[in-house]
Amino acid sequence: MTTRTRTRNVLYAGMIAVAASGCSTFGGKRASADNPSARRVEASQEQSKEALSSAAKAQEEASKQQEQAAEAQRDVQEAQRRLTEAQQRAERETAEAEQAQQQANQRTSQATQEAQQAQQQASRQLDQQQQIVSRGEQVVTGEVRRATPQQLVVQPQSGEPMTFAITPQTRVQIDGRQASAAQLTPGEDAHVSYEMAGTEPTALLVQVVTGSTTTGAPPASQSGTGAGSGTGDTGTGSTGARGGAGSGGTTGTTPPERAR
């Protein structure tokens, strides 16, 4: 039994007692109407009834206030629960936002690095092109059709095959290693830098990438020992070419022609 219930029962008991007392003295009111003590008793009983009634009303009001307080407490607890959930949700969203920002920063940094590398590579290529242009060089890329110590025939991506003269100043690189024109294999892709010497293109740099790392060192060049005695259309010419001597070598003044 709660305190509120006990208090209410006490008030009710008091009111019943007062009522009973009033009933018991009702019969004697007429007889004791002129008795001052009886009037005082009746007045005291009436005040007690009023006090008990006021106490009962106060108890009811207190009960209502307690119920309202309990409801307010429940509202506060519910608000605290919602606030806790909102704070937890905000913390999760903040952590997710920070993680997304970090990932975005990483992607931005990576993209910036890639863009810088691409820009640097483009700048290097532009510088190389400018250097080639400043030296009067030209560049062509195509498939090797035929390669000899004196000539290189390349089929460009479009147009007619091109024949280049190979001179002692021509540099040949296979997979980044120094090589000779005789080591070039038909079917390989070649990047040729050349210049026009008169009416014929002369290869300055021939680069081939095969993807193989087993390319050997270039063989030692063999000097021609026999002077060619055969007369060409333009006069006598010494062979002086790499790869052996012969009496019927190519003339030194015959220009290479475009292969057909």
Protein backbone atom coordinates (compact mmCIF):
# COMPACT_ATOMS: atom_id res chain seq x y z
CA MET A 1 0.00 0.00 0.00
CA THR A 2 1.47 3.35 -1.01
CA THR A 3 1.76 6.42 1.20
CA ARG A 4 -0.84 8.22 -0.85
CA THR A 5 -3.36 5.41 -0.36
CA ARG A 6 -2.70 5.24 3.39
CA THR A 7 -3.15 9.00 3.69
CA ARG A 8 -6.40 8.85 1.77
CA ASN A 9 -7.70 6.05 3.97
CA VAL A 10 -6.83 8.02 7.10
CA LEU A 11 -8.70 11.05 5.79
CA TYR A 12 -11.70 8.96 4.93
CA ALA A 13 -11.63 7.36 8.38
CA GLY A 14 -11.48 10.77 10.01
CA MET A 15 -14.40 12.01 7.96
CA ILE A 16 -16.43 8.93 8.90
CA ALA A 17 -15.56 9.43 12.55
CA VAL A 18 -16.59 13.06 12.42
CA ALA A 19 -19.82 12.16 10.67
CA ALA A 20 -20.54 9.47 13.23
CA SER A 21 -19.82 11.91 16.00
CA GLY A 22 -22.14 14.38 14.41
CA CYS A 23 -24.91 11.81 14.15
CA SER A 24 -24.50 10.79 17.77
CA THR A 25 -24.77 14.38 18.95
CA PHE A 26 -27.53 15.39 16.56
CA GLY A 27 -30.20 14.16 18.90
CA GLY A 28 -28.84 16.23 21.72
CA LYS A 29 -28.47 19.46 19.78
CA ARG A 30 -31.94 20.70 20.65
CA ALA A 31 -31.45 19.84 24.29
CA SER A 32 -28.05 21.45 24.46
CA ALA A 33 -28.78 24.41 22.31
CA ASP A 34 -28.31 26.71 25.20
CA ASN A 35 -25.15 24.93 26.44
CA PRO A 36 -22.01 26.89 25.44
CA SER A 37 -19.82 23.80 25.71
CA ALA A 38 -22.07 21.90 23.33
CA ARG A 39 -21.92 24.75 20.82
CA ARG A 40 -18.13 24.76 21.02
CA VAL A 41 -18.06 21.02 20.42
CA GLU A 42 -20.32 21.36 17.43
CA ALA A 43 -18.18 24.17 16.05
CA SER A 44 -15.06 22.11 16.55
CA GLN A 45 -16.65 19.17 14.79
CA GLU A 46 -17.68 21.39 11.89
CA GLN A 47 -14.15 22.75 11.59
CA SER A 48 -12.82 19.20 11.67
CA LYS A 49 -15.14 18.22 8.84
CA GLU A 50 -14.05 21.20 6.81
CA ALA A 51 -10.40 20.46 7.55
CA LEU A 52 -10.83 16.84 6.52
CA SER A 53 -12.61 17.89 3.34
CA SER A 54 -9.86 20.36 2.54
CA ALA A 55 -7.26 17.69 3.26
CA ALA A 56 -9.04 15.27 0.94
CA LYS A 57 -9.12 17.88 -1.81
CA ALA A 58 -5.46 18.65 -1.19
CA GLN A 59 -4.66 14.94 -1.38
CA GLU A 60 -6.49 14.61 -4.68
CA GLU A 61 -4.66 17.64 -6.03
CA ALA A 62 -1.36 16.20 -4.80
CA SER A 63 -2.20 12.90 -6.51
CA LYS A 64 -2.91 14.69 -9.77
CA GLN A 65 0.35 16.61 -9.49
CA GLN A 66 2.24 13.39 -8.78
CA GLU A 67 0.71 11.80 -11.86
CA GLN A 68 1.60 14.84 -13.94
CA ALA A 69 5.12 14.76 -12.51
CA ALA A 70 5.44 11.07 -13.37
CA GLU A 71 4.20 11.75 -16.90
CA ALA A 72 6.63 14.64 -17.22
CA GLN A 73 9.42 12.34 -16.02
CA ARG A 74 8.48 9.81 -18.66
CA ASP A 75 8.52 12.56 -21.29
CA VAL A 76 11.96 13.63 -20.09
CA GLN A 77 13.26 10.06 -20.28
CA GLU A 78 11.84 9.67 -23.79
CA ALA A 79 13.43 12.96 -24.83
CA GLN A 80 16.76 11.84 -23.37
CA ARG A 81 16.51 8.54 -25.24
CA ARG A 82 15.80 10.35 -28.50
CA LEU A 83 18.63 12.78 -27.81
CA THR A 84 21.03 9.90 -27.17
CA GLU A 85 19.99 8.22 -30.41
CA ALA A 86 20.36 11.49 -32.30
CA GLN A 87 23.85 12.03 -30.85
CA GLN A 88 24.90 8.49 -31.76
CA ARG A 89 23.52 8.92 -35.27
CA ALA A 90 25.30 12.26 -35.60
CA GLU A 91 28.57 10.65 -34.47
CA ARG A 92 28.18 7.84 -37.02
CA GLU A 93 27.39 10.30 -39.79
CA THR A 94 30.34 12.48 -38.77
CA ALA A 95 32.69 9.48 -38.85
CA GLU A 96 31.34 8.43 -42.25
CA ALA A 97 31.72 11.97 -43.56
CA GLU A 98 35.32 12.14 -42.32
CA GLN A 99 36.10 8.79 -43.94
CA ALA A 100 34.51 9.91 -47.21
CA GLN A 101 36.50 13.15 -47.05
CA GLN A 102 39.73 11.22 -46.50
CA GLN A 103 38.96 8.97 -49.45
CA ALA A 104 38.12 12.00 -51.58
CA ASN A 105 41.39 13.65 -50.54
CA GLN A 106 43.31 10.50 -51.44
CA ARG A 107 41.60 10.27 -54.83
CA THR A 108 42.22 13.96 -55.42
CA SER A 109 45.88 13.59 -54.49
CA GLN A 110 46.25 10.53 -56.72
CA ALA A 111 44.50 12.27 -59.60
CA THR A 112 46.71 15.32 -59.10
CA GLN A 113 49.85 13.18 -59.16
CA GLU A 114 48.68 11.36 -62.28
CA ALA A 115 47.84 14.67 -63.93
CA GLN A 116 51.26 16.06 -63.02
CA GLN A 117 52.98 12.95 -64.37
CA ALA A 118 50.96 13.14 -67.57
CA GLN A 119 51.80 16.84 -67.86
CA GLN A 120 55.48 16.14 -67.30
CA GLN A 121 55.43 13.35 -69.87
CA ALA A 122 53.64 15.59 -72.36
CA SER A 123 56.17 18.34 -71.69
CA ARG A 124 59.05 15.93 -72.27
CA GLN A 125 57.50 14.71 -75.49
CA LEU A 126 56.93 18.30 -76.60
CA ASP A 127 60.54 19.16 -75.78
CA GLN A 128 61.73 16.15 -77.76
CA GLN A 129 59.55 17.15 -80.70
CA GLN A 130 60.84 20.70 -80.53
CA GLN A 131 64.42 19.47 -80.41
CA ILE A 132 63.74 17.24 -83.40
CA VAL A 133 62.18 20.12 -85.28
CA SER A 134 65.02 22.45 -84.36
CA ARG A 135 67.52 19.93 -85.74
CA GLY A 136 65.51 19.49 -88.90
CA GLU A 137 64.65 15.92 -87.96
CA GLN A 138 61.45 14.08 -88.70
CA VAL A 139 59.90 11.05 -87.07
CA VAL A 140 58.02 8.10 -88.47
CA THR A 141 56.68 4.95 -86.85
CA GLY A 142 56.00 1.77 -88.73
CA GLU A 143 56.73 -1.89 -89.27
CA VAL A 144 60.16 -3.08 -90.27
CA ARG A 145 60.00 -4.65 -93.73
CA ARG A 146 63.69 -5.16 -94.41
CA ALA A 147 66.89 -4.31 -92.56
CA THR A 148 70.50 -4.46 -93.77
CA PRO A 149 73.65 -2.79 -92.52
CA GLN A 150 73.13 -0.09 -95.18
CA GLN A 151 69.35 0.22 -95.51
CA LEU A 152 66.15 0.08 -93.48
CA VAL A 153 62.72 -0.25 -95.07
CA VAL A 154 59.78 0.68 -92.88
CA GLN A 155 56.10 0.53 -93.67
CA PRO A 156 54.42 3.53 -91.98
CA GLN A 157 50.91 3.38 -90.64
CA SER A 158 49.75 5.03 -93.80
CA GLY A 159 51.31 5.64 -97.18
CA GLU A 160 54.15 4.02 -99.11
CA PRO A 161 57.04 2.10 -97.53
CA MET A 162 60.03 4.31 -96.74
CA THR A 163 63.66 3.41 -97.29
CA PHE A 164 66.25 4.95 -94.99
CA ALA A 165 69.98 5.05 -95.43
CA ILE A 166 71.97 3.61 -92.52
CA THR A 167 75.25 5.43 -91.86
CA PRO A 168 77.94 5.02 -89.21
CA GLN A 169 76.25 7.88 -87.36
CA THR A 170 72.91 6.05 -87.20
CA ARG A 171 72.09 4.88 -83.70
CA VAL A 172 70.05 1.69 -83.31
CA GLN A 173 68.42 0.71 -80.01
CA ILE A 174 66.55 -2.51 -79.31
CA ASP A 175 64.71 -2.49 -75.99
CA GLY A 176 66.88 0.42 -74.91
CA ARG A 177 70.17 -1.37 -75.70
CA GLN A 178 72.61 -0.38 -78.34
CA ALA A 179 72.38 -2.64 -81.38
CA SER A 180 72.99 -2.65 -85.13
CA ALA A 181 70.63 -2.41 -88.06
CA ALA A 182 71.43 -6.01 -88.99
CA GLN A 183 69.83 -7.13 -85.73
CA LEU A 184 66.46 -5.66 -86.64
CA THR A 185 63.81 -8.26 -87.49
CA PRO A 186 61.07 -7.76 -90.07
CA GLY A 187 57.67 -7.35 -88.43
CA GLU A 188 58.93 -5.34 -85.49
CA ASP A 189 57.59 -1.85 -84.83
CA ALA A 190 60.26 0.80 -85.27
CA HIS A 191 60.39 4.45 -84.32
CA VAL A 192 62.71 6.21 -86.75
CA SER A 193 64.09 9.73 -86.43
CA TYR A 194 65.54 10.86 -89.74
CA GLU A 195 66.64 13.86 -91.72
CA MET A 196 66.59 14.62 -95.38
CA ALA A 197 70.12 14.66 -96.75
CA GLY A 198 69.58 16.00 -100.19
CA THR A 199 66.83 13.87 -101.72
CA GLU A 200 67.14 10.80 -99.50
CA PRO A 201 66.11 10.22 -95.87
CA THR A 202 68.93 9.22 -93.57
CA ALA A 203 68.10 7.46 -90.31
CA LEU A 204 69.56 9.13 -87.24
CA LEU A 205 67.94 7.03 -84.51
CA VAL A 206 66.07 3.75 -84.82
CA GLN A 207 64.27 2.53 -81.72
CA VAL A 208 62.59 -0.87 -81.47
CA VAL A 209 60.77 -2.25 -78.42
CA THR A 210 60.23 -6.01 -78.46
CA GLY A 211 59.46 -6.53 -74.78
CA SER A 212 62.30 -9.06 -74.54
CA THR A 213 65.19 -8.52 -72.13
CA THR A 214 67.51 -11.05 -73.77
CA THR A 215 68.74 -8.81 -76.53
CA GLY A 216 72.45 -9.33 -76.68
CA ALA A 217 75.20 -6.79 -77.11
CA PRO A 218 75.80 -5.67 -80.66
CA PRO A 219 78.46 -7.60 -82.50
CA ALA A 220 81.68 -5.89 -83.35
CA SER A 221 81.48 -4.23 -86.72
CA GLN A 222 83.58 -5.74 -89.44
CA SER A 223 85.49 -3.33 -91.54
CA GLY A 224 85.53 -3.85 -95.27
CA THR A 225 88.97 -4.60 -96.56
CA GLY A 226 88.43 -4.96 -100.20
CA ALA A 227 87.93 -1.91 -102.31
CA GLY A 228 85.26 -2.38 -104.89
CA SER A 229 86.61 -2.19 -108.37
CA GLY A 230 83.27 -2.36 -110.07
CA THR A 231 82.26 0.84 -111.73
CA GLY A 232 78.84 2.18 -111.05
CA ASP A 233 76.80 4.55 -113.03
CA THR A 234 78.28 7.46 -111.16
CA GLY A 235 81.85 6.26 -110.91
CA THR A 236 83.91 4.00 -108.68
CA GLY A 237 82.83 3.52 -105.14
CA SER A 238 84.53 1.99 -102.14
CA THR A 239 82.52 -0.49 -100.13
CA GLY A 240 83.80 0.71 -96.72
CA ALA A 241 80.61 -0.81 -95.29
CA ARG A 242 80.09 -2.95 -92.22
CA GLY A 243 79.53 -6.62 -92.59
CA GLY A 244 82.38 -7.75 -94.82
CA ALA A 245 84.14 -6.87 -97.99
CA GLY A 246 83.29 -7.65 -101.54
CA SER A 247 84.30 -6.58 -104.93
CA GLY A 248 80.74 -5.96 -105.99
CA GLY A 249 79.62 -3.75 -103.03
CA THR A 250 77.21 -0.90 -103.25
CA THR A 251 78.57 2.34 -104.48
CA GLY A 252 79.05 5.09 -101.99
CA THR A 253 77.25 7.63 -104.13
CA THR A 254 74.13 5.70 -105.12
CA PRO A 255 71.22 7.13 -103.05
CA PRO A 256 68.69 4.79 -101.46
CA GLU A 257 65.37 4.67 -103.20
CA ARG A 258 61.93 4.20 -101.78
CA ALA A 259 60.97 0.57 -101.78
CA ARG A 260 58.03 -0.35 -103.94
